[in-house]
Amino acid sequence: EDMFGPVTNDTTVIVVQVHNRLKYLRELIRSLSLAVGIDKTLLIVSHDVWDEELNVLVRSIDFSQTLQIFYPFSLQTHTHTFPGESTKDCPRDAKQPKALTMSCTNAAWPDIHG
């Protein structure tokens, strides 16, 4: 806050969803650093994986206020529960009538695969 001032109702907020593509994030950060007025924005970087290289890169941003947030239910850490696959999930291509007879977890609300 000392370097960039407080976040107010007039502050522009930029939210970026980051995956595990360090090269693309590096290019985005370089591009953003050249934007006029970037020092008056709040840059929020949302991660769906934990990657130390990505975290270090984001922490190195010195042209705007930056906040990192992490999706709490990452496939990386929840491989056998939501959002990963649970043993109680319906088979991927099970149609709803079959899924209902199986009593699997998502039988009542199938996804695009069945």
Protein backbone atom coordinates (compact mmCIF):
# COMPACT_ATOMS: atom_id res chain seq x y z
CA GLU A 1 0.00 0.00 0.00
CA ASP A 2 2.85 2.41 0.79
CA MET A 3 4.35 2.14 -2.68
CA PHE A 4 1.10 2.14 -4.72
CA GLY A 5 -1.47 3.73 -2.43
CA PRO A 6 -4.68 2.22 -1.07
CA VAL A 7 -7.14 0.10 -3.02
CA THR A 8 -10.33 2.12 -3.44
CA ASN A 9 -13.65 1.75 -5.24
CA ASP A 10 -11.96 3.41 -8.23
CA THR A 11 -9.01 1.00 -8.39
CA THR A 12 -8.91 -1.14 -11.52
CA VAL A 13 -8.66 -4.82 -10.63
CA ILE A 14 -7.18 -7.32 -13.06
CA VAL A 15 -7.75 -11.00 -12.30
CA VAL A 16 -5.67 -13.64 -14.06
CA GLN A 17 -6.27 -17.40 -13.82
CA VAL A 18 -2.88 -19.12 -13.92
CA HIS A 19 -2.31 -22.77 -14.69
CA ASN A 20 1.15 -24.29 -15.01
CA ARG A 21 2.48 -22.39 -18.02
CA LEU A 22 5.42 -20.39 -16.71
CA LYS A 23 6.44 -19.15 -20.16
CA TYR A 24 3.02 -17.60 -20.85
CA LEU A 25 2.77 -16.04 -17.39
CA ARG A 26 6.22 -14.51 -17.81
CA GLU A 27 5.12 -12.94 -21.12
CA LEU A 28 1.85 -11.67 -19.62
CA ILE A 29 3.73 -10.05 -16.73
CA ARG A 30 6.18 -8.42 -19.13
CA SER A 31 3.28 -7.09 -21.20
CA LEU A 32 1.38 -5.81 -18.16
CA SER A 33 4.50 -4.07 -16.87
CA LEU A 34 4.45 -1.86 -19.97
CA ALA A 35 0.79 -0.81 -19.62
CA VAL A 36 0.10 2.83 -18.85
CA GLY A 37 -1.40 3.20 -15.36
CA ILE A 38 -0.55 -0.37 -14.29
CA ASP A 39 0.87 1.07 -11.05
CA LYS A 40 -2.67 2.11 -10.10
CA THR A 41 -4.16 -1.39 -10.48
CA LEU A 42 -4.55 -4.38 -8.24
CA LEU A 43 -3.40 -7.56 -9.99
CA ILE A 44 -4.95 -10.73 -8.58
CA VAL A 45 -3.33 -13.97 -9.70
CA SER A 46 -5.48 -17.03 -9.11
CA HIS A 47 -3.76 -20.42 -9.12
CA ASP A 48 -5.30 -23.86 -9.52
CA VAL A 49 -1.97 -25.62 -8.86
CA TRP A 50 0.88 -25.06 -6.43
CA ASP A 51 4.08 -24.36 -8.33
CA GLU A 52 6.99 -22.66 -6.62
CA GLU A 53 8.37 -21.22 -9.88
CA LEU A 54 5.02 -19.56 -10.61
CA ASN A 55 4.80 -18.24 -7.06
CA VAL A 56 8.31 -16.78 -7.19
CA LEU A 57 7.56 -15.13 -10.53
CA VAL A 58 4.38 -13.53 -9.21
CA ARG A 59 6.12 -12.39 -6.04
CA SER A 60 8.70 -10.63 -8.21
CA ILE A 61 6.09 -8.25 -9.68
CA ASP A 62 7.08 -4.74 -8.67
CA PHE A 63 4.93 -2.56 -10.94
CA SER A 64 1.54 -2.95 -9.18
CA GLN A 65 -0.10 -4.24 -6.06
CA THR A 66 -0.40 -8.00 -6.38
CA LEU A 67 -2.41 -10.62 -4.57
CA GLN A 68 -2.10 -14.36 -5.09
CA ILE A 69 -5.03 -16.65 -4.33
CA PHE A 70 -5.12 -20.42 -4.55
CA TYR A 71 -8.08 -22.61 -5.46
CA PRO A 72 -8.57 -24.70 -2.32
CA PHE A 73 -9.73 -27.86 -4.09
CA SER A 74 -7.02 -28.45 -6.67
CA LEU A 75 -6.81 -31.66 -8.69
CA GLN A 76 -3.18 -31.64 -7.60
CA THR A 77 -4.13 -32.13 -3.93
CA HIS A 78 -7.58 -33.75 -4.25
CA THR A 79 -7.03 -36.57 -6.72
CA HIS A 80 -9.53 -38.96 -5.12
CA THR A 81 -12.22 -36.48 -4.03
CA PHE A 82 -13.87 -33.48 -5.72
CA PRO A 83 -12.69 -32.13 -8.11
CA GLY A 84 -10.79 -35.37 -8.75
CA GLU A 85 -12.48 -38.70 -9.24
CA SER A 86 -13.88 -40.48 -6.21
CA THR A 87 -14.46 -44.22 -6.07
CA LYS A 88 -18.13 -43.35 -5.41
CA ASP A 89 -18.48 -41.28 -8.63
CA CYS A 90 -20.52 -42.71 -11.46
CA PRO A 91 -18.54 -44.18 -14.34
CA ARG A 92 -17.70 -41.47 -16.86
CA ASP A 93 -20.08 -42.58 -19.62
CA ALA A 94 -22.89 -44.07 -17.50
CA LYS A 95 -26.27 -42.74 -18.63
CA GLN A 96 -28.55 -41.47 -15.87
CA PRO A 97 -30.94 -44.49 -15.70
CA LYS A 98 -27.97 -46.84 -15.25
CA ALA A 99 -26.27 -44.47 -12.79
CA LEU A 100 -29.44 -44.30 -10.66
CA THR A 101 -29.50 -48.10 -10.34
CA MET A 102 -25.83 -48.00 -9.29
CA SER A 103 -26.50 -45.40 -6.55
CA CYS A 104 -23.27 -43.59 -7.36
CA THR A 105 -22.64 -40.09 -6.01
CA ASN A 106 -23.54 -37.97 -9.02
CA ALA A 107 -26.35 -40.13 -10.46
CA ALA A 108 -28.98 -37.41 -9.94
CA TRP A 109 -26.90 -34.69 -11.63
CA PRO A 110 -24.82 -36.19 -14.44
CA ASP A 111 -22.17 -34.16 -16.22
CA ILE A 112 -21.73 -33.81 -19.98
CA HIS A 113 -20.50 -37.41 -20.25
CA GLY A 114 -23.66 -39.03 -18.90
